[in-house]
Structure formats: C-alpha cells, structure tokens
Protein backbone atom coordinates (compact mmCIF):
# COMPACT_ATOMS: atom_id res chain seq x y z
CA MET A 1 27.75 -2.52 2.59
CA ALA A 2 25.26 0.34 2.45
CA TYR A 3 22.14 0.02 0.30
CA GLU A 4 20.12 2.80 -1.27
CA VAL A 5 16.41 3.00 -0.43
CA GLU A 6 14.08 4.99 -2.65
CA VAL A 7 10.49 5.69 -1.66
CA SER A 8 7.51 6.12 -3.96
CA ASP A 9 4.72 8.67 -3.80
CA GLU A 10 2.46 5.80 -2.65
CA PHE A 11 4.78 5.17 0.31
CA ARG A 12 4.88 8.89 1.19
CA GLY A 13 1.08 9.00 1.12
CA TRP A 14 0.99 6.05 3.52
CA TYR A 15 3.82 7.31 5.76
CA GLU A 16 3.08 11.02 6.20
CA PRO A 17 -0.23 10.66 8.12
CA LEU A 18 1.37 8.32 10.67
CA SER A 19 2.07 9.54 14.19
CA GLU A 20 5.58 10.69 15.07
CA ALA A 21 6.14 7.49 17.08
CA GLU A 22 5.06 5.35 14.12
CA GLN A 23 7.30 7.31 11.76
CA LEU A 24 10.28 6.78 14.09
CA SER A 25 9.56 3.05 14.21
CA ILE A 26 9.31 2.85 10.42
CA GLY A 27 12.45 4.97 10.06
CA ARG A 28 14.42 2.51 12.16
CA VAL A 29 13.37 -0.38 9.92
CA ILE A 30 14.37 1.64 6.85
CA GLU A 31 17.78 2.24 8.46
CA LEU A 32 18.11 -1.52 9.00
CA LEU A 33 17.22 -2.09 5.35
CA GLU A 34 19.92 0.38 4.32
CA GLU A 35 22.42 -1.53 6.46
CA LYS A 36 21.44 -5.12 5.66
CA GLY A 37 19.72 -4.96 2.27
CA THR A 38 18.31 -8.30 1.14
CA ALA A 39 19.74 -9.99 4.26
CA LEU A 40 17.21 -8.18 6.47
CA ALA A 41 15.28 -11.02 8.08
CA PHE A 42 12.14 -11.61 10.14
CA PRO A 43 10.72 -9.90 12.16
CA TYR A 44 11.61 -6.85 10.04
CA SER A 45 11.05 -8.49 6.67
CA SER A 46 9.12 -11.47 5.34
CA GLY A 47 8.52 -13.15 2.01
CA ILE A 48 5.49 -12.26 -0.06
CA GLN A 49 3.36 -15.37 -0.55
CA GLY A 50 2.20 -15.96 -4.11
CA SER A 51 4.68 -13.56 -5.72
CA LYS A 52 5.99 -14.59 -9.12
CA LEU A 53 9.39 -13.40 -7.87
CA SER A 54 10.58 -15.66 -5.05
CA HIS A 55 12.87 -12.96 -3.65
CA MET A 56 10.15 -10.32 -3.18
CA ARG A 57 9.92 -9.14 0.43
CA GLU A 58 7.76 -6.82 2.51
CA LEU A 59 9.02 -4.75 5.39
CA ARG A 60 7.35 -5.03 8.77
CA ALA A 61 7.48 -2.46 11.55
CA GLY A 62 5.77 -1.11 14.59
CA ARG A 63 4.14 -2.55 17.64
CA THR A 64 1.45 -4.27 15.58
CA GLY A 65 3.83 -5.64 12.97
CA CYS A 66 1.99 -3.72 10.27
CA SER A 67 3.21 -4.24 6.74
CA MET A 68 4.46 -1.36 4.68
CA PRO A 69 3.57 -1.13 1.02
CA SER A 70 5.39 -3.79 -0.99
CA ILE A 71 8.99 -3.31 -1.96
CA GLN A 72 10.74 -4.27 -5.13
CA PRO A 73 14.02 -6.17 -4.99
CA GLY A 74 17.00 -3.90 -5.36
CA PRO A 75 19.30 -2.25 -4.96
CA PRO A 76 17.96 0.35 -4.90
CA PHE A 77 14.98 -0.79 -2.85
CA CYS A 78 11.71 0.88 -3.73
CA TRP A 79 8.41 1.24 -1.95
C-alpha cells in the first residue's frame, strides 16, 4: 500500500539548506515512509516520548541519526 506524504513550509525550510548528500539520505527515508507508512520502524522512525498521542512518530535519517521535524499521524503524513 502506498502512503501520501505532505511536507510543510517548516520542513522545506529545514530541508533546503542541507547538502545534496543529506537531502538524498532524507529522501530515501521519505520513500520508505511512502512504502511502509505507520509500519516504518526503528532505525528510521521512533516514538515521541511525552506525546499525548501514543502513535506519534518522528523520522530519523542520515549518518548522525538526526531527527526531522515532527510528523503527524496520517495518512497523509505531514511534516
């Protein structure tokens, strides 16, 4: 099943200054999210501690495991 991913202006502002290599790494994780949706597991996704919504997740990508801006449960998934 394919999932729709929508990005916010906040995400674009975070993403656009990244290097090409970082953007490619992030893009691959977004592709995985489109493929797997809420089933995307660690190390690409992890729960958000302290969230009022137990199913809230954050995406993780890159060599350092940096977190992307928070996502909202979907579909569609939003940053």
